Amino acid sequence: MSDKFIKDFRKYRSRKLSGVGRNLRYLGITANLLTFLSLISGLLAIYYLFSNYSLFVIFTLLHLLFDSFDGVVARISKTTKFGKYFDIGSDSLITLLAIIKTGWFLQDYYYYFVGGLFFIALAIHFRSKLIAPIIFLRTPTFLILMVASSRQFLYTRTLFIVGLTAAGIVSLYSLAKQVEWLVKR
């Protein structure tokens, strides 16, 4: 069900952003360059997480925007194996760093455990040449962090706990689906 939703959303996004994607491509901007810009803005977002909320939000939004356009440009031009690995790898690195930094900031070691579960699922996904099922955590992680790290949000600790629990459940579910996939092979 989630795969269908993601594929449908990608088609919708590509349809809506194809004009901008064609213009980017015309200017010589490649999908890999957009992925690189997404990676840099994601790293800057993590750097400012918990220290400068405004810059964290700006760089998070840039990260998500560049990531949206890299897929659109890749589908307009030609997707490559390197590009797929680079995109997934950079998105996942940013996710892992966000989880680790949150654990460090809150002094809560369960975040490291959840990050480890996600890393194992990611390693299996990469080892299977991107075939084994996985649910990625990047967008929900950043949405929760944008809300929970805001000074105006009153239930910060509760939202962090809910986010941590959800990320742990999703990571365990990904691992279970990967075991099921391995058994069926």
C-alpha atoms as a PDB file:
ATOM      1  CA  MET A   1       0.000   0.000   0.000  1.00  0.00           C
ATOM      2  CA  SER A   2       2.753   2.491   0.883  1.00  0.00           C
ATOM      3  CA  ASP A   3       4.651   1.612  -2.316  1.00  0.00           C
ATOM      4  CA  LYS A   4       1.603   2.470  -4.406  1.00  0.00           C
ATOM      5  CA  PHE A   5       1.124   5.754  -2.552  1.00  0.00           C
ATOM      6  CA  ILE A   6       4.777   6.687  -3.046  1.00  0.00           C
ATOM      7  CA  LYS A   7       4.718   5.800  -6.755  1.00  0.00           C
ATOM      8  CA  ASP A   8       1.485   7.737  -7.276  1.00  0.00           C
ATOM      9  CA  PHE A   9       2.903  10.731  -5.405  1.00  0.00           C
ATOM     10  CA  ARG A  10       6.090  10.640  -7.504  1.00  0.00           C
ATOM     11  CA  LYS A  11       4.037  10.622 -10.694  1.00  0.00           C
ATOM     12  CA  TYR A  12       1.944  13.521  -9.424  1.00  0.00           C
ATOM     13  CA  ARG A  13       5.043  15.472  -8.346  1.00  0.00           C
ATOM     14  CA  SER A  14       6.781  14.798 -11.656  1.00  0.00           C
ATOM     15  CA  ARG A  15       3.724  15.965 -13.564  1.00  0.00           C
ATOM     16  CA  LYS A  16       3.429  19.174 -11.522  1.00  0.00           C
ATOM     17  CA  LEU A  17       7.157  19.959 -11.474  1.00  0.00           C
ATOM     18  CA  SER A  18       8.087  18.750 -14.959  1.00  0.00           C
ATOM     19  CA  GLY A  19       8.198  22.300 -16.367  1.00  0.00           C
ATOM     20  CA  VAL A  20      10.685  23.421 -13.737  1.00  0.00           C
ATOM     21  CA  GLY A  21      12.586  20.147 -14.176  1.00  0.00           C
ATOM     22  CA  ARG A  22      12.892  20.700 -17.930  1.00  0.00           C
ATOM     23  CA  ASN A  23      14.155  24.251 -17.321  1.00  0.00           C
ATOM     24  CA  LEU A  24      16.734  22.979 -14.835  1.00  0.00           C
ATOM     25  CA  ARG A  25      17.829  20.331 -17.316  1.00  0.00           C
ATOM     26  CA  TYR A  26      18.024  22.971 -20.078  1.00  0.00           C
ATOM     27  CA  LEU A  27      20.326  25.027 -17.847  1.00  0.00           C
ATOM     28  CA  GLY A  28      22.601  21.986 -17.536  1.00  0.00           C
ATOM     29  CA  ILE A  29      21.659  21.183 -13.954  1.00  0.00           C
ATOM     30  CA  THR A  30      21.787  17.425 -13.484  1.00  0.00           C
ATOM     31  CA  ALA A  31      19.949  15.236 -11.022  1.00  0.00           C
ATOM     32  CA  ASN A  32      23.254  14.381  -9.325  1.00  0.00           C
ATOM     33  CA  LEU A  33      24.052  18.075  -8.835  1.00  0.00           C
ATOM     34  CA  LEU A  34      20.631  18.552  -7.228  1.00  0.00           C
ATOM     35  CA  THR A  35      21.281  15.523  -5.006  1.00  0.00           C
ATOM     36  CA  PHE A  36      24.608  17.041  -3.995  1.00  0.00           C
ATOM     37  CA  LEU A  37      22.896  20.360  -3.164  1.00  0.00           C
ATOM     38  CA  SER A  38      20.289  18.387  -1.212  1.00  0.00           C
ATOM     39  CA  LEU A  39      23.066  16.639   0.718  1.00  0.00           C
ATOM     40  CA  ILE A  40      24.856  19.911   1.535  1.00  0.00           C
ATOM     41  CA  SER A  41      21.654  21.658   2.635  1.00  0.00           C
ATOM     42  CA  GLY A  42      20.704  18.578   4.686  1.00  0.00           C
ATOM     43  CA  LEU A  43      24.079  18.591   6.425  1.00  0.00           C
ATOM     44  CA  LEU A  44      23.651  22.290   7.181  1.00  0.00           C
ATOM     45  CA  ALA A  45      20.164  21.606   8.536  1.00  0.00           C
ATOM     46  CA  ILE A  46      21.600  18.985  10.902  1.00  0.00           C
ATOM     47  CA  TYR A  47      24.359  21.386  11.920  1.00  0.00           C
ATOM     48  CA  TYR A  48      21.792  24.025  12.942  1.00  0.00           C
ATOM     49  CA  LEU A  49      19.377  21.554  14.550  1.00  0.00           C
ATOM     50  CA  PHE A  50      18.825  22.615  18.191  1.00  0.00           C
ATOM     51  CA  SER A  51      21.071  25.688  17.862  1.00  0.00           C
ATOM     52  CA  ASN A  52      19.366  27.987  15.327  1.00  0.00           C
ATOM     53  CA  TYR A  53      15.761  27.100  14.555  1.00  0.00           C
ATOM     54  CA  SER A  54      15.340  29.507  11.626  1.00  0.00           C
ATOM     55  CA  LEU A  55      18.426  28.247   9.796  1.00  0.00           C
ATOM     56  CA  PHE A  56      17.458  24.658  10.579  1.00  0.00           C
ATOM     57  CA  VAL A  57      14.049  25.170   8.933  1.00  0.00           C
ATOM     58  CA  ILE A  58      15.486  27.040   5.928  1.00  0.00           C
ATOM     59  CA  PHE A  59      18.096  24.370   5.221  1.00  0.00           C
ATOM     60  CA  THR A  60      15.587  21.574   5.832  1.00  0.00           C
ATOM     61  CA  LEU A  61      13.194  23.078   3.300  1.00  0.00           C
ATOM     62  CA  LEU A  62      16.045  23.542   0.807  1.00  0.00           C
ATOM     63  CA  HIS A  63      17.078  19.928   1.382  1.00  0.00           C
ATOM     64  CA  LEU A  64      13.551  18.692   0.682  1.00  0.00           C
ATOM     65  CA  LEU A  65      13.151  21.018  -2.321  1.00  0.00           C
ATOM     66  CA  PHE A  66      16.425  19.939  -3.955  1.00  0.00           C
ATOM     67  CA  ASP A  67      15.491  16.321  -3.272  1.00  0.00           C
ATOM     68  CA  SER A  68      12.135  16.800  -4.988  1.00  0.00           C
ATOM     69  CA  PHE A  69      13.753  18.273  -8.064  1.00  0.00           C
ATOM     70  CA  ASP A  70      16.531  15.677  -8.346  1.00  0.00           C
ATOM     71  CA  GLY A  71      13.974  12.947  -8.944  1.00  0.00           C
ATOM     72  CA  VAL A  72      12.045  15.053 -11.446  1.00  0.00           C
ATOM     73  CA  VAL A  73      15.195  15.906 -13.412  1.00  0.00           C
ATOM     74  CA  ALA A  74      16.353  12.268 -13.287  1.00  0.00           C
ATOM     75  CA  ARG A  75      13.046  11.048 -14.713  1.00  0.00           C
ATOM     76  CA  ILE A  76      13.124  13.720 -17.449  1.00  0.00           C
ATOM     77  CA  SER A  77      16.664  12.897 -18.504  1.00  0.00           C
ATOM     78  CA  LYS A  78      17.832   9.409 -17.633  1.00  0.00           C
ATOM     79  CA  THR A  79      18.125   7.726 -14.271  1.00  0.00           C
ATOM     80  CA  THR A  80      21.427   6.069 -13.495  1.00  0.00           C
ATOM     81  CA  LYS A  81      22.384   3.386 -11.010  1.00  0.00           C
ATOM     82  CA  PHE A  82      24.888   5.759  -9.388  1.00  0.00           C
ATOM     83  CA  GLY A  83      22.194   8.446  -9.126  1.00  0.00           C
ATOM     84  CA  LYS A  84      19.783   6.095  -7.383  1.00  0.00           C
ATOM     85  CA  TYR A  85      22.419   5.028  -4.848  1.00  0.00           C
ATOM     86  CA  PHE A  86      23.610   8.620  -4.370  1.00  0.00           C
ATOM     87  CA  ASP A  87      20.071   9.884  -3.760  1.00  0.00           C
ATOM     88  CA  ILE A  88      19.082   7.142  -1.322  1.00  0.00           C
ATOM     89  CA  GLY A  89      22.459   7.218   0.392  1.00  0.00           C
ATOM     90  CA  SER A  90      22.481  10.972   0.930  1.00  0.00           C
ATOM     91  CA  ASP A  91      18.860  11.044   2.148  1.00  0.00           C
ATOM     92  CA  SER A  92      19.547   8.172   4.529  1.00  0.00           C
ATOM     93  CA  LEU A  93      22.759   9.731   5.817  1.00  0.00           C
ATOM     94  CA  ILE A  94      20.857  12.914   6.660  1.00  0.00           C
ATOM     95  CA  THR A  95      18.163  10.854   8.414  1.00  0.00           C
ATOM     96  CA  LEU A  96      20.720   8.934  10.480  1.00  0.00           C
ATOM     97  CA  LEU A  97      22.527  12.123  11.451  1.00  0.00           C
ATOM     98  CA  ALA A  98      19.235  13.732  12.513  1.00  0.00           C
ATOM     99  CA  ILE A  99      18.380  10.729  14.695  1.00  0.00           C
ATOM    100  CA  ILE A 100      21.880  10.628  16.222  1.00  0.00           C
ATOM    101  CA  LYS A 101      21.963  14.375  16.901  1.00  0.00           C
ATOM    102  CA  THR A 102      18.516  14.220  18.511  1.00  0.00           C
ATOM    103  CA  GLY A 103      19.689  11.388  20.764  1.00  0.00           C
ATOM    104  CA  TRP A 104      22.831  13.328  21.665  1.00  0.00           C
ATOM    105  CA  PHE A 105      20.889  16.528  22.361  1.00  0.00           C
ATOM    106  CA  LEU A 106      18.274  14.784  24.507  1.00  0.00           C
ATOM    107  CA  GLN A 107      20.849  12.437  26.082  1.00  0.00           C
ATOM    108  CA  ASP A 108      18.558   9.535  25.184  1.00  0.00           C
ATOM    109  CA  TYR A 109      20.382   6.443  23.981  1.00  0.00           C
ATOM    110  CA  TYR A 110      17.250   4.850  22.532  1.00  0.00           C
ATOM    111  CA  TYR A 111      17.708   7.140  19.530  1.00  0.00           C
ATOM    112  CA  TYR A 112      20.991   5.377  18.815  1.00  0.00           C
ATOM    113  CA  PHE A 113      19.196   2.030  18.962  1.00  0.00           C
ATOM    114  CA  VAL A 114      16.545   3.224  16.492  1.00  0.00           C
ATOM    115  CA  GLY A 115      19.276   4.683  14.273  1.00  0.00           C
ATOM    116  CA  GLY A 116      21.015   1.310  14.384  1.00  0.00           C
ATOM    117  CA  LEU A 117      17.829  -0.507  13.352  1.00  0.00           C
ATOM    118  CA  PHE A 118      17.367   1.894  10.443  1.00  0.00           C
ATOM    119  CA  PHE A 119      21.031   1.470   9.464  1.00  0.00           C
ATOM    120  CA  ILE A 120      20.686  -2.331   9.398  1.00  0.00           C
ATOM    121  CA  ALA A 121      17.555  -2.101   7.235  1.00  0.00           C
ATOM    122  CA  LEU A 122      19.356   0.347   4.975  1.00  0.00           C
ATOM    123  CA  ALA A 123      22.412  -1.911   4.703  1.00  0.00           C
ATOM    124  CA  ILE A 124      20.187  -4.824   3.666  1.00  0.00           C
ATOM    125  CA  HIS A 125      18.462  -2.578   1.121  1.00  0.00           C
ATOM    126  CA  PHE A 126      21.818  -1.533  -0.364  1.00  0.00           C
ATOM    127  CA  ARG A 127      23.187  -5.088  -0.288  1.00  0.00           C
ATOM    128  CA  SER A 128      20.138  -6.266  -2.230  1.00  0.00           C
ATOM    129  CA  LYS A 129      20.873  -3.664  -4.937  1.00  0.00           C
ATOM    130  CA  LEU A 130      17.918  -1.537  -3.783  1.00  0.00           C
ATOM    131  CA  ILE A 131      15.410  -4.370  -4.167  1.00  0.00           C
ATOM    132  CA  ALA A 132      14.692  -5.387  -0.559  1.00  0.00           C
ATOM    133  CA  PRO A 133      11.730  -3.458   0.870  1.00  0.00           C
ATOM    134  CA  ILE A 134      12.357  -0.528   3.189  1.00  0.00           C
ATOM    135  CA  ILE A 135      10.411   2.405   4.519  1.00  0.00           C
ATOM    136  CA  PHE A 136      12.450   5.581   4.616  1.00  0.00           C
ATOM    137  CA  LEU A 137      12.202   7.914   7.603  1.00  0.00           C
ATOM    138  CA  ARG A 138      13.612  11.192   6.311  1.00  0.00           C
ATOM    139  CA  THR A 139      10.529  13.322   5.647  1.00  0.00           C
ATOM    140  CA  PRO A 140       8.573  12.383   8.796  1.00  0.00           C
ATOM    141  CA  THR A 141      11.754  12.776  10.862  1.00  0.00           C
ATOM    142  CA  PHE A 142      12.281  16.304   9.608  1.00  0.00           C
ATOM    143  CA  LEU A 143       8.620  17.253   9.984  1.00  0.00           C
ATOM    144  CA  ILE A 144       8.643  16.109  13.610  1.00  0.00           C
ATOM    145  CA  LEU A 145      11.934  17.900  14.265  1.00  0.00           C
ATOM    146  CA  MET A 146      10.637  21.140  12.751  1.00  0.00           C
ATOM    147  CA  VAL A 147       7.605  21.076  15.043  1.00  0.00           C
ATOM    148  CA  ALA A 148       9.218  19.659  18.183  1.00  0.00           C
ATOM    149  CA  SER A 149      12.292  21.890  18.118  1.00  0.00           C
ATOM    150  CA  SER A 150      10.194  25.044  17.801  1.00  0.00           C
ATOM    151  CA  ARG A 151      10.125  27.092  20.978  1.00  0.00           C
ATOM    152  CA  GLN A 152       6.387  27.667  20.506  1.00  0.00           C
ATOM    153  CA  PHE A 153       5.538  23.973  20.693  1.00  0.00           C
ATOM    154  CA  LEU A 154       4.537  23.056  24.235  1.00  0.00           C
ATOM    155  CA  TYR A 155       4.699  19.248  24.076  1.00  0.00           C
ATOM    156  CA  THR A 156       8.252  18.864  22.803  1.00  0.00           C
ATOM    157  CA  ARG A 157       9.291  15.844  24.877  1.00  0.00           C
ATOM    158  CA  THR A 158       6.056  14.002  24.084  1.00  0.00           C
ATOM    159  CA  LEU A 159       6.444  14.582  20.346  1.00  0.00           C
ATOM    160  CA  PHE A 160      10.070  13.420  20.450  1.00  0.00           C
ATOM    161  CA  ILE A 161       8.954  10.225  22.224  1.00  0.00           C
ATOM    162  CA  VAL A 162       6.139   9.656  19.703  1.00  0.00           C
ATOM    163  CA  GLY A 163       8.567  10.267  16.826  1.00  0.00           C
ATOM    164  CA  LEU A 164      11.154   7.936  18.318  1.00  0.00           C
ATOM    165  CA  THR A 165       8.570   5.208  18.854  1.00  0.00           C
ATOM    166  CA  ALA A 166       7.209   5.584  15.322  1.00  0.00           C
ATOM    167  CA  ALA A 167      10.723   5.500  13.811  1.00  0.00           C
ATOM    168  CA  GLY A 168      11.527   2.377  15.818  1.00  0.00           C
ATOM    169  CA  ILE A 169       8.326   0.641  14.732  1.00  0.00           C
ATOM    170  CA  VAL A 170       8.880   1.590  11.083  1.00  0.00           C
ATOM    171  CA  SER A 171      12.487   0.365  11.217  1.00  0.00           C
ATOM    172  CA  LEU A 172      11.421  -2.938  12.780  1.00  0.00           C
ATOM    173  CA  TYR A 173       8.650  -3.268  10.195  1.00  0.00           C
ATOM    174  CA  SER A 174      11.193  -2.674   7.403  1.00  0.00           C
ATOM    175  CA  LEU A 175      13.413  -5.384   8.857  1.00  0.00           C
ATOM    176  CA  ALA A 176      10.467  -7.788   9.129  1.00  0.00           C
ATOM    177  CA  LYS A 177       9.478  -7.121   5.499  1.00  0.00           C
ATOM    178  CA  GLN A 178      13.085  -7.695   4.471  1.00  0.00           C
ATOM    179  CA  VAL A 179      13.162 -11.049   6.270  1.00  0.00           C
ATOM    180  CA  GLU A 180       9.896 -11.968   4.555  1.00  0.00           C
ATOM    181  CA  TRP A 181      11.404 -10.891   1.209  1.00  0.00           C
ATOM    182  CA  LEU A 182      14.540 -12.977   1.830  1.00  0.00           C
ATOM    183  CA  VAL A 183      12.489 -16.055   2.741  1.00  0.00           C
ATOM    184  CA  LYS A 184      10.347 -15.752  -0.397  1.00  0.00           C
ATOM    185  CA  ARG A 185      13.410 -15.505  -2.654  1.00  0.00           C
END
